[in-house]
Protein backbone atom coordinates (compact mmCIF):
# COMPACT_ATOMS: atom_id res chain seq x y z
CA MET A 1 3.93 -19.69 25.26
CA LYS A 2 4.38 -16.13 26.74
CA GLU A 3 1.31 -14.16 26.58
CA LYS A 4 1.48 -11.01 24.31
CA LYS A 5 1.36 -7.54 25.60
CA LYS A 6 -1.90 -5.75 25.05
CA ILE A 7 -1.54 -2.43 23.28
CA ARG A 8 -3.52 0.68 23.29
CA ILE A 9 -4.23 1.66 19.62
CA ALA A 10 -5.66 4.67 18.16
CA LEU A 11 -6.96 4.90 14.41
CA VAL A 12 -6.87 8.47 12.81
CA GLY A 13 -9.14 8.56 9.62
CA SER A 14 -11.36 5.69 10.48
CA ASP A 15 -13.85 6.33 7.70
CA SER A 16 -11.27 6.57 4.94
CA LEU A 17 -10.82 3.72 2.52
CA ARG A 18 -7.37 2.81 4.39
CA GLY A 19 -8.93 3.32 7.78
CA LYS A 20 -11.66 0.69 7.10
CA GLU A 21 -9.17 -1.82 5.98
CA ILE A 22 -6.86 -1.13 8.93
CA LYS A 23 -10.01 -1.52 11.36
CA LYS A 24 -10.79 -4.91 9.41
CA ALA A 25 -7.32 -6.27 9.68
CA LEU A 26 -7.16 -5.50 13.51
CA SER A 27 -10.58 -7.00 14.27
CA LYS A 28 -9.99 -10.16 11.87
CA LYS A 29 -6.40 -11.15 13.01
CA ARG A 30 -7.36 -10.68 16.83
CA PHE A 31 -4.75 -8.07 17.32
CA PRO A 32 -4.08 -8.14 21.31
CA LEU A 33 -5.78 -4.81 22.23
CA GLU A 34 -5.98 -3.29 25.70
CA ASP A 35 -8.18 -0.64 23.88
CA ILE A 36 -8.80 1.07 20.65
CA ASP A 37 -10.24 4.74 19.99
CA PHE A 38 -11.22 6.08 16.50
CA PHE A 39 -10.87 9.40 15.57
CA ASP A 40 -12.25 11.16 12.51
CA PRO A 41 -10.98 15.10 11.65
CA ASP A 42 -14.47 15.59 10.24
CA VAL A 43 -16.25 15.00 13.53
CA LYS A 44 -17.18 18.20 15.00
CA GLU A 45 -19.24 17.13 17.93
CA GLU A 46 -18.32 14.30 20.47
CA TYR A 47 -20.66 11.37 20.47
CA SER A 48 -22.03 12.55 17.30
CA LYS A 49 -20.73 9.56 15.21
CA LEU A 50 -20.51 5.68 16.02
CA THR A 51 -18.85 2.69 14.40
CA GLN A 52 -18.49 -1.03 15.10
CA PHE A 53 -15.56 -2.95 16.10
CA ARG A 54 -15.42 -6.65 16.84
CA GLY A 55 -19.26 -6.57 17.10
CA GLU A 56 -19.38 -3.68 19.62
CA PRO A 57 -20.35 0.00 19.17
CA LYS A 58 -17.68 2.61 19.39
CA VAL A 59 -17.54 6.30 19.39
CA ILE A 60 -15.77 8.06 16.53
CA HIS A 61 -13.97 10.76 18.64
CA TYR A 62 -13.29 14.68 17.66
CA LEU A 63 -9.63 14.90 17.09
CA LYS A 64 -7.66 17.28 19.41
CA LYS A 65 -3.90 17.71 20.02
CA ASN A 66 -3.75 15.54 23.12
CA SER A 67 -6.25 12.97 21.77
CA LEU A 68 -3.26 10.48 21.19
CA GLN A 69 -1.14 11.02 24.13
CA ASN A 70 -2.38 7.85 25.82
CA ALA A 71 -1.77 5.35 22.72
CA ASP A 72 1.03 2.87 22.26
CA LEU A 73 0.39 2.85 18.58
CA VAL A 74 -1.38 5.35 15.95
CA PHE A 75 -2.35 4.16 12.51
CA LEU A 76 -2.54 7.44 10.57
CA ALA A 77 -5.16 6.83 7.86
CA ALA A 78 -6.64 10.52 7.26
CA ASP A 79 -5.49 12.75 4.66
CA LYS A 80 -1.85 13.97 4.41
CA LYS A 81 -2.32 17.34 6.19
CA VAL A 82 -4.00 15.67 9.12
CA ASN A 83 -1.32 12.75 9.28
CA ARG A 84 1.56 15.32 9.20
CA GLU A 85 -0.01 17.47 11.93
CA PHE A 86 -0.64 14.70 14.38
CA GLY A 87 2.37 12.48 13.32
CA ILE A 88 4.92 14.91 14.29
CA LEU A 89 3.47 14.61 17.71
CA ALA A 90 4.77 10.80 18.05
CA ASN A 91 8.13 11.48 19.82
CA LYS A 92 6.77 14.52 21.95
CA GLN A 93 3.64 12.31 23.15
CA ASN A 94 5.68 9.10 23.23
CA PHE A 95 3.74 6.94 20.77
CA HIS A 96 4.63 5.07 17.67
CA ALA A 97 2.94 6.25 14.41
CA ILE A 98 2.40 4.39 11.00
CA ASP A 99 1.56 6.73 8.29
CA LEU A 100 -0.79 5.40 5.38
CA SER A 101 -1.16 8.51 3.43
CA GLY A 102 2.45 9.30 2.13
CA ALA A 103 2.87 12.35 4.29
CA PHE A 104 6.22 11.54 5.44
CA ASN A 105 7.39 9.36 2.44
CA THR A 106 9.79 12.04 1.11
CA ASP A 107 11.34 12.69 4.59
CA LYS A 108 14.70 10.83 4.41
CA SER A 109 14.93 10.90 8.25
CA ILE A 110 11.77 8.59 8.50
CA PRO A 111 12.17 5.07 7.36
CA VAL A 112 9.75 3.62 4.66
CA VAL A 113 9.13 0.02 5.55
CA VAL A 114 7.95 -2.99 3.58
CA ALA A 115 7.24 -5.67 6.13
CA GLY A 116 9.49 -8.89 5.21
CA VAL A 117 11.79 -6.83 3.10
CA ASN A 118 13.51 -3.96 4.99
CA ASP A 119 11.89 -4.20 8.27
CA GLY A 120 14.98 -5.18 10.03
CA ILE A 121 15.66 -1.75 10.65
CA ILE A 122 12.95 -1.86 13.42
CA ASP A 123 15.04 -4.36 15.30
CA LYS A 124 17.99 -1.69 15.57
CA LYS A 125 15.85 1.21 16.71
CA ILE A 126 12.07 1.61 16.64
CA PRO A 127 11.36 4.86 15.04
CA GLY A 128 8.57 7.21 16.42
CA ILE A 129 7.04 7.33 12.82
CA ILE A 130 7.16 4.85 10.04
CA ALA A 131 5.83 5.48 6.59
CA ASN A 132 4.02 2.88 4.80
CA PRO A 133 5.13 2.92 1.32
CA HIS A 134 3.22 3.39 -1.92
CA PRO A 135 1.23 0.31 -2.64
CA ALA A 136 3.05 -0.32 -6.02
CA THR A 137 6.18 -0.05 -3.94
CA VAL A 138 5.04 -2.73 -1.67
CA VAL A 139 4.24 -5.06 -4.40
CA LEU A 140 7.35 -4.37 -6.49
CA SER A 141 9.67 -4.47 -3.47
CA HIS A 142 8.49 -7.98 -2.64
CA ILE A 143 8.99 -9.25 -6.32
CA PHE A 144 12.54 -7.67 -6.57
CA HIS A 145 13.64 -8.96 -3.08
CA VAL A 146 12.81 -12.63 -3.88
CA VAL A 147 14.31 -12.47 -7.34
CA ILE A 148 17.50 -10.77 -6.29
CA GLU A 149 17.99 -13.21 -3.58
CA MET A 150 17.92 -16.22 -5.72
CA LEU A 151 18.92 -15.01 -9.12
CA GLY A 152 20.13 -11.29 -8.96
CA LEU A 153 18.59 -8.49 -11.10
CA SER A 154 20.27 -6.24 -13.79
CA LYS A 155 17.20 -4.28 -14.84
CA ALA A 156 13.51 -3.97 -14.00
CA ILE A 157 11.08 -1.81 -15.90
CA SER A 158 7.42 -1.64 -14.71
CA PHE A 159 4.23 -0.47 -16.31
CA ILE A 160 1.71 0.12 -13.85
CA LEU A 161 -2.25 0.30 -14.29
CA GLN A 162 -3.64 2.34 -11.30
CA PRO A 163 -7.08 2.15 -9.70
CA VAL A 164 -9.36 4.95 -9.15
CA SER A 165 -9.24 4.31 -5.41
CA ALA A 166 -5.89 5.61 -5.41
CA TYR A 167 -8.01 8.76 -5.05
CA GLU A 168 -10.07 7.57 -2.34
CA GLU A 169 -13.77 7.57 -2.23
CA SER A 170 -13.93 10.56 -4.64
CA GLY A 171 -12.14 8.70 -7.41
CA ILE A 172 -14.61 5.42 -6.88
CA GLN A 173 -17.51 7.82 -7.23
CA GLU A 174 -16.51 9.70 -10.31
CA LEU A 175 -15.82 6.29 -12.15
CA ALA A 176 -19.23 4.73 -10.94
CA ASN A 177 -21.06 7.94 -11.84
CA GLN A 178 -19.54 8.59 -15.23
CA SER A 179 -20.07 4.71 -15.92
CA TYR A 180 -23.91 5.16 -15.09
CA CYS A 181 -24.15 8.31 -17.13
CA LEU A 182 -22.49 6.96 -20.07
CA LEU A 183 -24.82 3.82 -20.13
CA SER A 184 -27.73 6.05 -19.58
CA SER A 185 -27.01 8.73 -22.24
CA GLU A 186 -26.65 11.29 -19.40
CA PRO A 187 -24.19 14.10 -19.38
CA LEU A 188 -21.32 13.33 -17.11
CA SER A 189 -19.18 15.44 -14.62
CA LYS A 190 -15.50 15.57 -14.33
CA LYS A 191 -13.94 16.66 -10.99
CA VAL A 192 -11.31 14.31 -9.88
CA PHE A 193 -9.79 13.58 -13.33
CA SER A 194 -9.40 16.24 -15.91
CA GLU A 195 -10.76 13.81 -18.77
CA GLN A 196 -13.42 11.13 -18.65
CA ILE A 197 -12.28 8.10 -16.75
CA ALA A 198 -15.03 5.67 -17.45
CA PHE A 199 -14.35 3.16 -20.30
CA ASN A 200 -11.02 5.05 -20.89
CA LEU A 201 -7.16 5.12 -20.07
CA LEU A 202 -5.26 8.09 -18.98
CA SER A 203 -1.60 8.64 -19.39
CA GLN A 204 -1.23 11.61 -17.22
CA THR A 205 -3.48 12.64 -14.09
CA GLU A 206 -0.83 14.99 -12.53
CA LYS A 207 1.35 17.55 -13.75
CA PRO A 208 4.68 15.94 -15.04
CA ASP A 209 8.23 17.15 -14.51
CA LYS A 210 10.51 18.33 -17.36
CA ASN A 211 11.17 14.60 -18.05
CA GLY A 212 7.47 13.75 -18.34
CA PHE A 213 7.31 11.83 -14.97
CA SER A 214 4.71 12.71 -12.10
CA SER A 215 5.53 13.08 -8.55
CA VAL A 216 3.98 9.80 -7.63
CA GLU A 217 6.15 7.99 -10.32
CA LYS A 218 9.30 9.65 -8.80
CA GLN A 219 8.00 8.82 -5.35
CA ILE A 220 7.91 5.03 -6.15
CA SER A 221 11.38 4.86 -7.91
CA SER A 222 12.78 6.66 -4.74
CA GLU A 223 11.04 4.34 -2.24
CA ILE A 224 12.40 1.08 -4.23
CA GLN A 225 15.93 2.72 -3.77
CA ARG A 226 15.44 3.27 0.03
CA ILE A 227 13.90 0.02 0.64
CA LEU A 228 16.41 -2.26 -1.24
CA PRO A 229 19.76 -0.17 -0.88
CA GLY A 230 23.00 -1.54 -2.21
CA HIS A 231 21.36 -3.26 -5.23
CA ASP A 232 22.63 -2.25 -8.41
CA PHE A 233 19.94 -2.77 -10.78
CA PHE A 234 18.33 -0.16 -13.24
CA PHE A 235 14.75 0.51 -12.51
CA SER A 236 12.31 2.76 -14.27
CA LEU A 237 8.33 2.61 -14.29
CA SER A 238 5.49 4.36 -15.80
CA ILE A 239 1.96 4.87 -14.50
CA VAL A 240 -1.27 4.70 -16.54
CA GLN A 241 -4.83 5.55 -14.78
CA ALA A 242 -7.03 2.59 -15.37
CA PRO A 243 -11.10 2.51 -15.40
CA VAL A 244 -10.99 -0.07 -12.44
CA PHE A 245 -11.98 0.42 -8.78
CA PHE A 246 -9.24 -1.66 -6.87
CA THR A 247 -5.81 -3.25 -7.51
CA TYR A 248 -2.84 -2.44 -8.86
CA SER A 249 -2.04 -4.38 -12.01
CA ILE A 250 1.67 -4.30 -12.94
CA MET A 251 3.51 -5.75 -15.97
CA THR A 252 7.16 -5.79 -15.13
CA TYR A 253 10.17 -6.56 -17.38
CA LEU A 254 13.19 -8.27 -15.54
CA GLU A 255 16.83 -8.96 -16.86
CA LEU A 256 18.06 -11.42 -14.41
CA LYS A 257 21.80 -12.19 -13.55
CA LYS A 258 21.55 -16.05 -13.30
CA LYS A 259 20.09 -18.12 -16.05
CA THR A 260 16.73 -19.65 -15.32
CA ASP A 261 13.38 -20.47 -17.26
CA ILE A 262 9.61 -19.78 -16.70
CA GLN A 263 9.26 -22.83 -14.40
CA GLY A 264 12.39 -21.70 -12.30
CA LEU A 265 10.85 -18.32 -11.74
CA LYS A 266 7.53 -19.75 -10.72
CA ASN A 267 9.37 -22.02 -8.46
CA ILE A 268 10.94 -18.96 -6.55
CA PHE A 269 7.49 -17.37 -6.05
CA LYS A 270 5.88 -20.70 -4.84
CA GLU A 271 8.48 -20.89 -2.01
CA HIS A 272 6.84 -17.59 -0.48
CA SER A 273 3.47 -17.66 1.07
CA LEU A 274 2.79 -14.12 0.16
CA PHE A 275 2.58 -15.08 -3.50
CA HIS A 276 -0.08 -16.78 -5.40
CA LEU A 277 0.44 -18.22 -8.90
CA SER A 278 -2.61 -17.88 -10.91
CA ALA A 279 -3.95 -18.88 -14.38
CA PRO A 280 -3.92 -15.88 -16.72
CA ASP A 281 -7.68 -15.57 -16.82
CA LYS A 282 -7.68 -15.68 -12.92
CA SER A 283 -5.10 -12.73 -12.47
CA GLY A 284 -7.07 -9.74 -13.19
CA PRO A 285 -8.32 -7.13 -10.94
CA ILE A 286 -11.74 -8.62 -10.45
CA SER A 287 -10.23 -12.01 -9.32
CA VAL A 288 -7.59 -10.32 -7.15
CA ALA A 289 -9.60 -7.52 -5.36
CA GLY A 290 -10.05 -8.30 -1.57
CA LYS A 291 -7.43 -10.83 -1.52
CA GLU A 292 -4.31 -10.84 0.85
CA LYS A 293 -1.86 -12.11 -1.46
CA ILE A 294 0.35 -10.91 -4.58
CA CYS A 295 -1.17 -12.65 -7.50
CA ILE A 296 1.54 -13.67 -10.12
CA GLY A 297 -0.31 -14.30 -13.41
CA GLN A 298 1.35 -15.02 -16.75
CA ILE A 299 5.28 -14.98 -16.97
CA LYS A 300 6.79 -14.62 -20.47
CA ARG A 301 10.36 -15.37 -21.27
CA GLU A 302 11.85 -13.08 -24.02
CA GLU A 303 13.70 -14.92 -26.58
CA SER A 304 15.33 -12.04 -28.25
CA LEU A 305 17.19 -10.77 -25.03
CA PRO A 306 19.39 -13.12 -22.88
CA ASN A 307 17.63 -14.12 -19.59
CA SER A 308 14.86 -11.62 -19.73
CA PHE A 309 11.23 -12.37 -18.64
CA TRP A 310 7.76 -10.20 -18.32
CA ILE A 311 5.71 -10.86 -15.20
CA TRP A 312 1.98 -9.91 -14.80
CA THR A 313 1.11 -9.12 -11.16
CA VAL A 314 -2.02 -7.80 -9.64
CA ALA A 315 -2.48 -6.97 -5.83
CA ASP A 316 -5.23 -5.25 -3.90
CA ASN A 317 -3.94 -1.67 -3.12
CA LEU A 318 -5.98 -1.15 -0.01
CA ILE A 319 -5.47 -4.64 1.76
CA LEU A 320 -1.99 -6.05 0.46
CA GLY A 321 -0.51 -2.69 -0.42
CA SER A 322 -1.63 -0.57 2.56
CA ALA A 323 -3.60 -2.49 5.59
CA GLU A 324 -1.55 -5.65 5.76
CA ASN A 325 1.79 -4.03 5.62
CA ALA A 326 1.02 -1.60 8.22
CA PHE A 327 -0.50 -4.46 10.45
CA GLU A 328 2.78 -6.64 9.96
CA ILE A 329 4.79 -3.61 10.78
CA ALA A 330 2.89 -2.99 14.04
CA GLU A 331 3.48 -6.74 14.90
CA LYS A 332 7.20 -6.24 14.04
CA ILE A 333 7.42 -3.24 16.71
CA PHE A 334 5.38 -4.95 19.64
CA PHE A 335 5.91 -8.64 19.29
CA LYS A 336 9.37 -9.45 18.07
CA PRO A 337 10.31 -13.05 17.92
CA GLU A 338 11.97 -14.38 21.04
CA SER A 339 15.46 -15.25 20.37
């Protein structure tokens, strides 16, 4: 077997939730590294901050304009402003970049890639920058892809329960602090969300457009269209903010072109290793958080509408919806299967 080329990697935003998961994936999966450097835009003084990688101490460096010029691949896991500032250097400084923040997702000249669905575009020409889609886009793209391939799809409508980790550490802290305060009968503060999130559901967390949809909802719809071009199914979605720390939980209504039953749908998902079929009581956020698979829970057949189904899906937003997809894109860039 031909030995894999060793890659020089840089991780920008090493302390973000996405950055931590990328670091775990690179360490756990034994990605063939020549070297890896960690950068944090909050570091002001060199050698003032450390981390660990594969059991060894590593310095988290101060981020400068020329910090990434010796890297083969850069994972951009900081905030949108930082990622855009350094991502646009990819072509000039001759490195590949994968953005995990959504900083480039509305730029039609930069591909949005779901590994295993539309990553064939990397075979044609490897872009300088690749955008990792929204976690819900990753999950839904995989579901639609396998369903379209086997049964065809006329319509899909998704109801998405969003975790507070969509707002990084600040969202997690707000839910944790509010939960503690409410249980302790103490006053609570609201900084991330305009209304109480603990033990509550919010139908709106961002300013809506004239039709009531948020920029994130429109982003997911746009990404689905770009990732699955040429498929003529109708798609709409709505997001509700849920009081959970991790995982996107999605209830999706599907109208299929070919006839099947519940078992037929289950058999399709069983054929793909990315999916895990689970009992309804084992397909919630608590059971799925930390897992690398898309959990398919209850499937319901709608008798009142021909060939229509409801599918309950749960996936970890930071692992399956972010780090794993970015990792597989990296493998596709550097380690294409030999023909």
